Amino acid sequence: NPMYHAILPAGFEHKLLQGLPQEP
């Protein structure tokens, strides 16, 4: 059951994964 993970550019997944770690 392999799956290919795609992050939509400019979507919330992109924004959160790039930005959220800056909060600390």
PDB file of all heavy atoms in Angstrom:
ATOM      1  N   ASN A   1       0.788  -1.235   0.000  1.00  0.00           N
ATOM      2  CA  ASN A   1       0.000   0.000   0.000  1.00  0.00           C
ATOM      3  C   ASN A   1       0.826   1.294   0.000  1.00  0.00           C
ATOM      4  O   ASN A   1       0.609   2.177   0.840  1.00  0.00           O
ATOM      5  CB  ASN A   1      -0.946   0.021   1.211  1.00  0.00           C
ATOM      6  CG  ASN A   1      -1.855  -1.186   1.252  1.00  0.00           C
ATOM      7  OD1 ASN A   1      -2.402  -1.583   0.224  1.00  0.00           O
ATOM      8  ND2 ASN A   1      -2.016  -1.776   2.429  1.00  0.00           N
ATOM      9  N   PRO A   2       1.765   1.426  -0.919  1.00  0.00           N
ATOM     10  CA  PRO A   2       2.511   2.690  -0.968  1.00  0.00           C
ATOM     11  C   PRO A   2       1.632   3.831  -1.464  1.00  0.00           C
ATOM     12  O   PRO A   2       0.709   3.625  -2.268  1.00  0.00           O
ATOM     13  CB  PRO A   2       3.633   2.386  -1.966  1.00  0.00           C
ATOM     14  CG  PRO A   2       3.047   1.363  -2.883  1.00  0.00           C
ATOM     15  CD  PRO A   2       2.158   0.510  -2.008  1.00  0.00           C
ATOM     16  N   MET A   3       1.898   5.027  -0.970  1.00  0.00           N
ATOM     17  CA  MET A   3       1.204   6.226  -1.423  1.00  0.00           C
ATOM     18  C   MET A   3       2.233   7.306  -1.716  1.00  0.00           C
ATOM     19  O   MET A   3       3.260   7.403  -1.037  1.00  0.00           O
ATOM     20  CB  MET A   3       0.213   6.737  -0.370  1.00  0.00           C
ATOM     21  CG  MET A   3      -0.944   5.810  -0.087  1.00  0.00           C
ATOM     22  SD  MET A   3      -2.113   6.580   1.057  1.00  0.00           S
ATOM     23  CE  MET A   3      -3.200   5.179   1.395  1.00  0.00           C
ATOM     24  N   TYR A   4       1.923   8.118  -2.703  1.00  0.00           N
ATOM     25  CA  TYR A   4       2.769   9.260  -3.030  1.00  0.00           C
ATOM     26  C   TYR A   4       2.165  10.498  -2.380  1.00  0.00           C
ATOM     27  O   TYR A   4       1.027  10.872  -2.673  1.00  0.00           O
ATOM     28  CB  TYR A   4       2.871   9.444  -4.546  1.00  0.00           C
ATOM     29  CG  TYR A   4       3.619  10.695  -4.941  1.00  0.00           C
ATOM     30  CD1 TYR A   4       5.009  10.718  -4.992  1.00  0.00           C
ATOM     31  CD2 TYR A   4       2.925  11.867  -5.245  1.00  0.00           C
ATOM     32  CE1 TYR A   4       5.693  11.876  -5.336  1.00  0.00           C
ATOM     33  CE2 TYR A   4       3.598  13.029  -5.587  1.00  0.00           C
ATOM     34  CZ  TYR A   4       4.980  13.023  -5.626  1.00  0.00           C
ATOM     35  OH  TYR A   4       5.666  14.178  -5.964  1.00  0.00           O
ATOM     36  N   HIS A   5       2.914  11.126  -1.478  1.00  0.00           N
ATOM     37  CA  HIS A   5       2.426  12.324  -0.788  1.00  0.00           C
ATOM     38  C   HIS A   5       2.756  13.558  -1.626  1.00  0.00           C
ATOM     39  O   HIS A   5       3.915  13.797  -1.969  1.00  0.00           O
ATOM     40  CB  HIS A   5       3.074  12.434   0.597  1.00  0.00           C
ATOM     41  CG  HIS A   5       2.613  13.621   1.385  1.00  0.00           C
ATOM     42  ND1 HIS A   5       3.330  14.144   2.439  1.00  0.00           N
ATOM     43  CD2 HIS A   5       1.499  14.413   1.285  1.00  0.00           C
ATOM     44  CE1 HIS A   5       2.694  15.171   2.945  1.00  0.00           C
ATOM     45  NE2 HIS A   5       1.579  15.360   2.261  1.00  0.00           N
ATOM     46  N   ALA A   6       1.734  14.337  -1.933  1.00  0.00           N
ATOM     47  CA  ALA A   6       1.900  15.584  -2.671  1.00  0.00           C
ATOM     48  C   ALA A   6       1.422  16.744  -1.804  1.00  0.00           C
ATOM     49  O   ALA A   6       0.297  16.717  -1.290  1.00  0.00           O
ATOM     50  CB  ALA A   6       1.107  15.550  -3.981  1.00  0.00           C
ATOM     51  N   ILE A   7       2.265  17.738  -1.617  1.00  0.00           N
ATOM     52  CA  ILE A   7       1.881  18.960  -0.922  1.00  0.00           C
ATOM     53  C   ILE A   7       1.502  19.997  -1.978  1.00  0.00           C
ATOM     54  O   ILE A   7       2.298  20.296  -2.871  1.00  0.00           O
ATOM     55  CB  ILE A   7       3.031  19.491  -0.041  1.00  0.00           C
ATOM     56  CG1 ILE A   7       3.299  18.527   1.123  1.00  0.00           C
ATOM     57  CG2 ILE A   7       2.713  20.884   0.493  1.00  0.00           C
ATOM     58  CD1 ILE A   7       4.496  18.900   1.970  1.00  0.00           C
ATOM     59  N   LEU A   8       0.292  20.524  -1.898  1.00  0.00           N
ATOM     60  CA  LEU A   8      -0.164  21.510  -2.868  1.00  0.00           C
ATOM     61  C   LEU A   8       0.577  22.826  -2.640  1.00  0.00           C
ATOM     62  O   LEU A   8       0.484  23.420  -1.565  1.00  0.00           O
ATOM     63  CB  LEU A   8      -1.669  21.734  -2.723  1.00  0.00           C
ATOM     64  CG  LEU A   8      -2.275  22.794  -3.654  1.00  0.00           C
ATOM     65  CD1 LEU A   8      -2.204  22.333  -5.109  1.00  0.00           C
ATOM     66  CD2 LEU A   8      -3.711  23.100  -3.244  1.00  0.00           C
ATOM     67  N   PRO A   9       1.326  23.324  -3.628  1.00  0.00           N
ATOM     68  CA  PRO A   9       2.015  24.609  -3.465  1.00  0.00           C
ATOM     69  C   PRO A   9       1.033  25.730  -3.141  1.00  0.00           C
ATOM     70  O   PRO A   9      -0.031  25.845  -3.763  1.00  0.00           O
ATOM     71  CB  PRO A   9       2.672  24.821  -4.838  1.00  0.00           C
ATOM     72  CG  PRO A   9       2.847  23.449  -5.389  1.00  0.00           C
ATOM     73  CD  PRO A   9       1.637  22.681  -4.917  1.00  0.00           C
ATOM     74  N   ALA A  10       1.366  26.524  -2.129  1.00  0.00           N
ATOM     75  CA  ALA A  10       0.548  27.636  -1.627  1.00  0.00           C
ATOM     76  C   ALA A  10      -0.689  27.175  -0.879  1.00  0.00           C
ATOM     77  O   ALA A  10      -1.508  27.999  -0.459  1.00  0.00           O
ATOM     78  CB  ALA A  10       0.155  28.606  -2.746  1.00  0.00           C
ATOM     79  N   GLY A  11      -0.847  25.874  -0.677  1.00  0.00           N
ATOM     80  CA  GLY A  11      -1.942  25.358   0.133  1.00  0.00           C
ATOM     81  C   GLY A  11      -1.587  25.428   1.610  1.00  0.00           C
ATOM     82  O   GLY A  11      -0.460  25.746   1.996  1.00  0.00           O
ATOM     83  N   PHE A  12      -2.546  25.104   2.460  1.00  0.00           N
ATOM     84  CA  PHE A  12      -2.318  25.218   3.900  1.00  0.00           C
ATOM     85  C   PHE A  12      -1.237  24.261   4.395  1.00  0.00           C
ATOM     86  O   PHE A  12      -0.516  24.562   5.348  1.00  0.00           O
ATOM     87  CB  PHE A  12      -3.627  24.997   4.661  1.00  0.00           C
ATOM     88  CG  PHE A  12      -4.597  26.132   4.524  1.00  0.00           C
ATOM     89  CD1 PHE A  12      -5.859  25.933   3.999  1.00  0.00           C
ATOM     90  CD2 PHE A  12      -4.242  27.410   4.911  1.00  0.00           C
ATOM     91  CE1 PHE A  12      -6.762  26.978   3.860  1.00  0.00           C
ATOM     92  CE2 PHE A  12      -5.129  28.476   4.782  1.00  0.00           C
ATOM     93  CZ  PHE A  12      -6.392  28.259   4.251  1.00  0.00           C
ATOM     94  N   GLU A  13      -1.105  23.104   3.762  1.00  0.00           N
ATOM     95  CA  GLU A  13      -0.064  22.155   4.173  1.00  0.00           C
ATOM     96  C   GLU A  13       1.321  22.749   3.924  1.00  0.00           C
ATOM     97  O   GLU A  13       2.219  22.641   4.766  1.00  0.00           O
ATOM     98  CB  GLU A  13      -0.239  20.840   3.409  1.00  0.00           C
ATOM     99  CG  GLU A  13       0.595  19.697   3.944  1.00  0.00           C
ATOM    100  CD  GLU A  13       0.134  18.355   3.411  1.00  0.00           C
ATOM    101  OE1 GLU A  13      -0.435  18.292   2.289  1.00  0.00           O
ATOM    102  OE2 GLU A  13       0.332  17.360   4.117  1.00  0.00           O
ATOM    103  N   HIS A  14       1.486  23.376   2.780  1.00  0.00           N
ATOM    104  CA  HIS A  14       2.732  24.061   2.440  1.00  0.00           C
ATOM    105  C   HIS A  14       3.014  25.171   3.458  1.00  0.00           C
ATOM    106  O   HIS A  14       4.118  25.263   4.024  1.00  0.00           O
ATOM    107  CB  HIS A  14       2.596  24.634   1.024  1.00  0.00           C
ATOM    108  CG  HIS A  14       3.800  25.362   0.509  1.00  0.00           C
ATOM    109  ND1 HIS A  14       3.795  26.040  -0.681  1.00  0.00           N
ATOM    110  CD2 HIS A  14       5.042  25.537   1.015  1.00  0.00           C
ATOM    111  CE1 HIS A  14       4.976  26.584  -0.895  1.00  0.00           C
ATOM    112  NE2 HIS A  14       5.750  26.291   0.122  1.00  0.00           N
ATOM    113  N   LYS A  15       2.011  25.998   3.718  1.00  0.00           N
ATOM    114  CA  LYS A  15       2.195  27.149   4.603  1.00  0.00           C
ATOM    115  C   LYS A  15       2.509  26.725   6.037  1.00  0.00           C
ATOM    116  O   LYS A  15       3.425  27.266   6.674  1.00  0.00           O
ATOM    117  CB  LYS A  15       0.938  28.021   4.578  1.00  0.00           C
ATOM    118  CG  LYS A  15       0.713  28.708   3.239  1.00  0.00           C
ATOM    119  CD  LYS A  15      -0.641  29.406   3.190  1.00  0.00           C
ATOM    120  CE  LYS A  15      -0.863  30.055   1.827  1.00  0.00           C
ATOM    121  NZ  LYS A  15      -2.206  30.659   1.691  1.00  0.00           N
ATOM    122  N   LEU A  16       1.763  25.752   6.541  1.00  0.00           N
ATOM    123  CA  LEU A  16       1.961  25.337   7.932  1.00  0.00           C
ATOM    124  C   LEU A  16       3.311  24.663   8.137  1.00  0.00           C
ATOM    125  O   LEU A  16       4.010  24.941   9.122  1.00  0.00           O
ATOM    126  CB  LEU A  16       0.828  24.408   8.369  1.00  0.00           C
ATOM    127  CG  LEU A  16      -0.509  25.095   8.668  1.00  0.00           C
ATOM    128  CD1 LEU A  16      -1.627  24.073   8.801  1.00  0.00           C
ATOM    129  CD2 LEU A  16      -0.407  25.937   9.940  1.00  0.00           C
ATOM    130  N   LEU A  17       3.699  23.780   7.231  1.00  0.00           N
ATOM    131  CA  LEU A  17       4.967  23.073   7.413  1.00  0.00           C
ATOM    132  C   LEU A  17       6.158  24.011   7.283  1.00  0.00           C
ATOM    133  O   LEU A  17       7.191  23.797   7.935  1.00  0.00           O
ATOM    134  CB  LEU A  17       5.085  21.917   6.419  1.00  0.00           C
ATOM    135  CG  LEU A  17       4.235  20.692   6.753  1.00  0.00           C
ATOM    136  CD1 LEU A  17       4.251  19.691   5.604  1.00  0.00           C
ATOM    137  CD2 LEU A  17       4.714  20.019   8.046  1.00  0.00           C
ATOM    138  N   GLN A  18       6.043  25.050   6.476  1.00  0.00           N
ATOM    139  CA  GLN A  18       7.153  25.989   6.361  1.00  0.00           C
ATOM    140  C   GLN A  18       7.132  27.024   7.474  1.00  0.00           C
ATOM    141  O   GLN A  18       8.178  27.389   8.013  1.00  0.00           O
ATOM    142  CB  GLN A  18       7.130  26.696   5.002  1.00  0.00           C
ATOM    143  CG  GLN A  18       8.324  27.634   4.809  1.00  0.00           C
ATOM    144  CD  GLN A  18       8.564  28.005   3.367  1.00  0.00           C
ATOM    145  OE1 GLN A  18       8.237  27.253   2.456  1.00  0.00           O
ATOM    146  NE2 GLN A  18       9.151  29.164   3.136  1.00  0.00           N
ATOM    147  N   GLY A  19       5.948  27.489   7.842  1.00  0.00           N
ATOM    148  CA  GLY A  19       5.869  28.587   8.783  1.00  0.00           C
ATOM    149  C   GLY A  19       5.796  28.195  10.246  1.00  0.00           C
ATOM    150  O   GLY A  19       6.430  28.827  11.099  1.00  0.00           O
ATOM    151  N   LEU A  20       5.026  27.164  10.546  1.00  0.00           N
ATOM    152  CA  LEU A  20       4.782  26.810  11.943  1.00  0.00           C
ATOM    153  C   LEU A  20       6.071  26.594  12.759  1.00  0.00           C
ATOM    154  O   LEU A  20       6.150  27.038  13.907  1.00  0.00           O
ATOM    155  CB  LEU A  20       3.871  25.577  11.999  1.00  0.00           C
ATOM    156  CG  LEU A  20       3.312  25.157  13.346  1.00  0.00           C
ATOM    157  CD1 LEU A  20       1.925  24.561  13.173  1.00  0.00           C
ATOM    158  CD2 LEU A  20       4.220  24.129  13.991  1.00  0.00           C
ATOM    159  N   PRO A  21       7.110  25.952  12.207  1.00  0.00           N
ATOM    160  CA  PRO A  21       8.339  25.770  13.000  1.00  0.00           C
ATOM    161  C   PRO A  21       9.076  27.066  13.328  1.00  0.00           C
ATOM    162  O   PRO A  21      10.003  27.049  14.143  1.00  0.00           O
ATOM    163  CB  PRO A  21       9.194  24.866  12.097  1.00  0.00           C
ATOM    164  CG  PRO A  21       8.207  24.144  11.247  1.00  0.00           C
ATOM    165  CD  PRO A  21       7.152  25.170  10.965  1.00  0.00           C
ATOM    166  N   GLN A  22       8.672  28.186  12.708  1.00  0.00           N
ATOM    167  CA  GLN A  22       9.284  29.473  13.065  1.00  0.00           C
ATOM    168  C   GLN A  22       8.675  30.048  14.343  1.00  0.00           C
ATOM    169  O   GLN A  22       9.277  30.922  14.980  1.00  0.00           O
ATOM    170  CB  GLN A  22       9.108  30.467  11.917  1.00  0.00           C
ATOM    171  CG  GLN A  22       9.691  30.015  10.586  1.00  0.00           C
ATOM    172  CD  GLN A  22      11.147  29.639  10.670  1.00  0.00           C
ATOM    173  OE1 GLN A  22      11.957  30.369  11.272  1.00  0.00           O
ATOM    174  NE2 GLN A  22      11.508  28.506  10.099  1.00  0.00           N
ATOM    175  N   GLU A  23       7.499  29.582  14.705  1.00  0.00           N
ATOM    176  CA  GLU A  23       6.832  30.112  15.896  1.00  0.00           C
ATOM    177  C   GLU A  23       7.650  29.903  17.170  1.00  0.00           C
ATOM    178  O   GLU A  23       7.739  30.823  17.997  1.00  0.00           O
ATOM    179  CB  GLU A  23       5.429  29.514  16.014  1.00  0.00           C
ATOM    180  CG  GLU A  23       4.504  29.968  14.894  1.00  0.00           C
ATOM    181  CD  GLU A  23       3.184  29.215  14.816  1.00  0.00           C
ATOM    182  OE1 GLU A  23       2.959  28.323  15.658  1.00  0.00           O
ATOM    183  OE2 GLU A  23       2.379  29.514  13.909  1.00  0.00           O
ATOM    184  N   PRO A  24       8.271  28.737  17.369  1.00  0.00           N
ATOM    185  CA  PRO A  24       9.106  28.580  18.565  1.00  0.00           C
ATOM    186  C   PRO A  24      10.286  29.556  18.615  1.00  0.00           C
ATOM    187  O   PRO A  24      10.668  30.005  19.705  1.00  0.00           O
ATOM    188  CB  PRO A  24       9.595  27.125  18.465  1.00  0.00           C
ATOM    189  CG  PRO A  24       8.549  26.434  17.665  1.00  0.00           C
ATOM    190  CD  PRO A  24       8.101  27.453  16.659  1.00  0.00           C
TER     191      PRO A  24
END
